[in-house]
Amino acid sequence: MTKVGIFFGGRDNGNTAKIARKIQDGLGKGLATVHNVNNAKTEDVNKFDMLILGTAAWGIGEMHSDWENFIEELLNANLENKKIAIYGLGDQVMYPESFVDGMGTIFCRLPFKQNVVGYTATDSYKYYYSTAEKEGKFIGLAIDDDSQPELTDTRVSKWVSQVRKEFGL
């Protein structure tokens, strides 16, 4: 059985799904399974010891609309002992005042924030404000495939190595 459930919101062929598959490839397909939150239920979340949650910034910084429907399913799951990592997509040039805020919204809704791992540095980004920034770091992996696509693969690879260690894999 796989240990890591990767749950993303958005189209199966969209950028958030693409990043989910890159993360899965980095962890190993035998270790991680990808789920679109549009079709996921509480029981799906409960199957995993560790979770990776992904969303794009929708509109002006909101989490993807599929997450609006799924967040209650997630919160009904047994999250108390699960390690959780979060990734978010955004555009720091077009939306510098709400960069990767969808990731911040998911974090805010989690009842056990101390279980979140995968914090990353903010220094290679140029934005004005983000709800995903806590104490000078992003609460997860921030991806800007619009303004910095050349950095995406390196950011994902580095973060997957970090999360692998923090998950104890």
Protein backbone atom coordinates (compact mmCIF):
# COMPACT_ATOMS: atom_id res chain seq x y z
CA MET A 1 0.00 0.00 0.00
CA THR A 2 1.19 3.51 -0.78
CA LYS A 3 1.94 5.73 2.18
CA VAL A 4 1.56 9.19 0.64
CA GLY A 5 -1.65 10.56 -0.80
CA ILE A 6 -1.21 13.53 -3.12
CA PHE A 7 -4.48 15.47 -3.38
CA PHE A 8 -4.75 18.32 -5.88
CA GLY A 9 -7.55 20.61 -7.03
CA GLY A 10 -8.00 21.43 -10.70
CA ARG A 11 -8.15 19.79 -14.09
CA ASP A 12 -6.46 16.41 -14.54
CA ASN A 13 -4.35 17.95 -17.33
CA GLY A 14 -3.72 21.30 -15.58
CA ASN A 15 -0.58 22.69 -13.99
CA THR A 16 -1.50 21.64 -10.43
CA ALA A 17 -1.95 18.05 -11.64
CA LYS A 18 1.34 18.27 -13.54
CA ILE A 19 3.13 19.26 -10.33
CA ALA A 20 1.34 16.45 -8.43
CA ARG A 21 2.73 13.93 -10.93
CA LYS A 22 6.24 15.43 -10.69
CA ILE A 23 6.05 15.07 -6.91
CA GLN A 24 4.80 11.50 -7.28
CA ASP A 25 7.66 10.69 -9.67
CA GLY A 26 10.15 12.17 -7.19
CA LEU A 27 8.77 10.13 -4.30
CA GLY A 28 8.23 7.00 -6.36
CA LYS A 29 4.93 5.75 -7.78
CA GLY A 30 4.95 2.80 -5.36
CA LEU A 31 5.11 5.24 -2.46
CA ALA A 32 2.65 7.94 -3.59
CA THR A 33 -0.78 8.00 -5.21
CA VAL A 34 -2.33 11.05 -6.90
CA HIS A 35 -5.99 12.01 -6.38
CA ASN A 36 -8.04 14.85 -7.84
CA VAL A 37 -10.04 16.35 -4.94
CA ASN A 38 -12.99 16.65 -7.31
CA ASN A 39 -13.50 12.86 -6.93
CA ALA A 40 -12.01 12.26 -3.47
CA LYS A 41 -13.77 11.48 -0.19
CA THR A 42 -12.83 11.33 3.48
CA GLU A 43 -12.18 7.59 3.17
CA ASP A 44 -9.56 8.27 0.50
CA VAL A 45 -7.68 10.62 2.84
CA ASN A 46 -7.84 8.14 5.74
CA LYS A 47 -5.96 5.51 3.69
CA PHE A 48 -2.68 7.42 3.90
CA ASP A 49 -0.12 8.06 6.63
CA MET A 50 1.09 11.25 4.93
CA LEU A 51 -0.60 13.81 2.72
CA ILE A 52 0.52 16.30 0.12
CA LEU A 53 -2.14 18.88 -0.70
CA GLY A 54 -1.94 21.06 -3.81
CA THR A 55 -3.90 23.99 -5.18
CA ALA A 56 -3.54 26.78 -7.64
CA ALA A 57 -4.44 30.31 -6.70
CA TRP A 58 -7.88 30.78 -8.21
CA GLY A 59 -9.17 34.21 -9.09
CA ILE A 60 -7.34 36.63 -6.83
CA GLY A 61 -5.60 34.26 -4.46
CA GLU A 62 -8.36 31.83 -3.51
CA MET A 63 -7.79 28.08 -3.31
CA HIS A 64 -9.10 26.25 -6.35
CA SER A 65 -12.91 25.96 -6.37
CA ASP A 66 -12.69 22.14 -6.20
CA TRP A 67 -11.09 22.60 -2.78
CA GLU A 68 -14.16 24.52 -1.58
CA ASN A 69 -16.14 21.31 -2.06
CA PHE A 70 -13.44 18.97 -0.72
CA ILE A 71 -12.20 20.87 2.34
CA GLU A 72 -14.97 19.48 4.56
CA GLU A 73 -14.14 15.94 3.40
CA LEU A 74 -10.53 16.59 4.36
CA LEU A 75 -11.49 18.03 7.75
CA ASN A 76 -13.69 14.99 8.48
CA ALA A 77 -10.66 12.73 8.02
CA ASN A 78 -8.46 11.61 10.88
CA LEU A 79 -5.64 14.14 10.47
CA GLU A 80 -4.27 14.19 14.00
CA ASN A 81 -1.30 11.89 13.36
CA LYS A 82 -0.74 12.56 9.67
CA LYS A 83 2.20 14.56 8.40
CA ILE A 84 1.04 17.02 5.77
CA ALA A 85 2.91 18.98 3.10
CA ILE A 86 1.33 21.63 0.89
CA TYR A 87 2.18 23.07 -2.49
CA GLY A 88 0.61 25.98 -4.29
CA LEU A 89 0.74 27.59 -7.70
CA GLY A 90 0.45 31.29 -8.35
CA ASP A 91 1.69 34.19 -10.43
CA GLN A 92 3.83 36.64 -8.47
CA VAL A 93 3.92 39.19 -11.31
CA MET A 94 0.19 39.39 -12.08
CA TYR A 95 -0.95 38.83 -8.47
CA PRO A 96 1.85 40.00 -6.17
CA GLU A 97 -0.63 40.91 -3.43
CA SER A 98 -2.05 37.37 -3.17
CA PHE A 99 0.74 35.08 -4.36
CA VAL A 100 -0.06 31.39 -3.61
CA ASP A 101 -2.81 32.43 -1.20
CA GLY A 102 -4.72 29.22 -2.00
CA MET A 103 -1.97 27.32 -0.20
CA GLY A 104 -2.34 29.68 2.76
CA THR A 105 -6.11 29.10 2.86
CA ILE A 106 -5.68 25.33 3.04
CA PHE A 107 -3.13 25.77 5.84
CA CYS A 108 -5.49 28.04 7.78
CA ARG A 109 -8.24 25.44 7.62
CA LEU A 110 -6.08 22.58 8.95
CA PRO A 111 -6.74 21.74 12.61
CA PHE A 112 -3.21 20.39 13.31
CA LYS A 113 -0.85 22.99 11.89
CA GLN A 114 2.05 21.47 13.81
CA ASN A 115 1.82 18.46 11.45
CA VAL A 116 2.70 20.58 8.40
CA VAL A 117 6.19 20.06 6.98
CA GLY A 118 7.93 21.29 3.85
CA TYR A 119 8.37 24.98 4.64
CA THR A 120 10.48 26.78 2.02
CA ALA A 121 12.42 30.02 1.67
CA THR A 122 10.80 33.08 0.09
CA ASP A 123 14.01 34.74 -1.13
CA SER A 124 13.84 33.76 -4.82
CA TYR A 125 10.37 35.26 -5.31
CA LYS A 126 9.19 38.86 -5.82
CA TYR A 127 5.71 39.45 -4.45
CA TYR A 128 4.04 41.91 -2.13
CA TYR A 129 2.00 39.68 0.20
CA SER A 130 1.01 36.05 0.68
CA THR A 131 -1.16 34.32 3.28
CA ALA A 132 1.08 31.30 2.65
CA GLU A 133 4.02 33.07 4.30
CA LYS A 134 4.52 32.42 8.01
CA GLU A 135 7.51 33.69 9.97
CA GLY A 136 9.46 34.54 6.81
CA LYS A 137 8.89 31.21 5.01
CA PHE A 138 6.27 29.72 2.76
CA ILE A 139 4.31 26.98 4.52
CA GLY A 140 5.03 24.73 1.55
CA LEU A 141 6.29 24.69 -2.01
CA ALA A 142 5.45 27.83 -4.00
CA ILE A 143 5.42 27.35 -7.76
CA ASP A 144 5.21 30.17 -10.29
CA ASP A 145 4.99 28.40 -13.64
CA ASP A 146 3.89 31.68 -15.27
CA SER A 147 6.81 33.96 -14.35
CA GLN A 148 9.53 31.48 -13.37
CA PRO A 149 8.88 28.22 -15.28
CA GLU A 150 12.61 27.57 -15.59
CA LEU A 151 12.79 27.10 -11.80
CA THR A 152 9.88 24.68 -11.44
CA ASP A 153 11.71 21.37 -11.87
CA THR A 154 14.53 22.37 -9.52
CA ARG A 155 12.09 23.66 -6.90
CA VAL A 156 10.01 20.47 -7.05
CA SER A 157 13.06 18.20 -6.88
CA LYS A 158 14.59 20.05 -3.93
CA TRP A 159 11.26 20.14 -2.07
CA VAL A 160 10.55 16.45 -2.65
CA SER A 161 13.96 15.61 -1.12
CA GLN A 162 13.16 17.83 1.86
CA VAL A 163 9.67 16.39 2.34
CA ARG A 164 10.96 12.85 1.99
CA LYS A 165 13.27 13.49 4.97
CA GLU A 166 10.59 15.31 6.99
CA PHE A 167 8.13 12.47 6.32
CA GLY A 168 10.80 10.00 7.47
CA LEU A 169 10.84 8.08 4.18
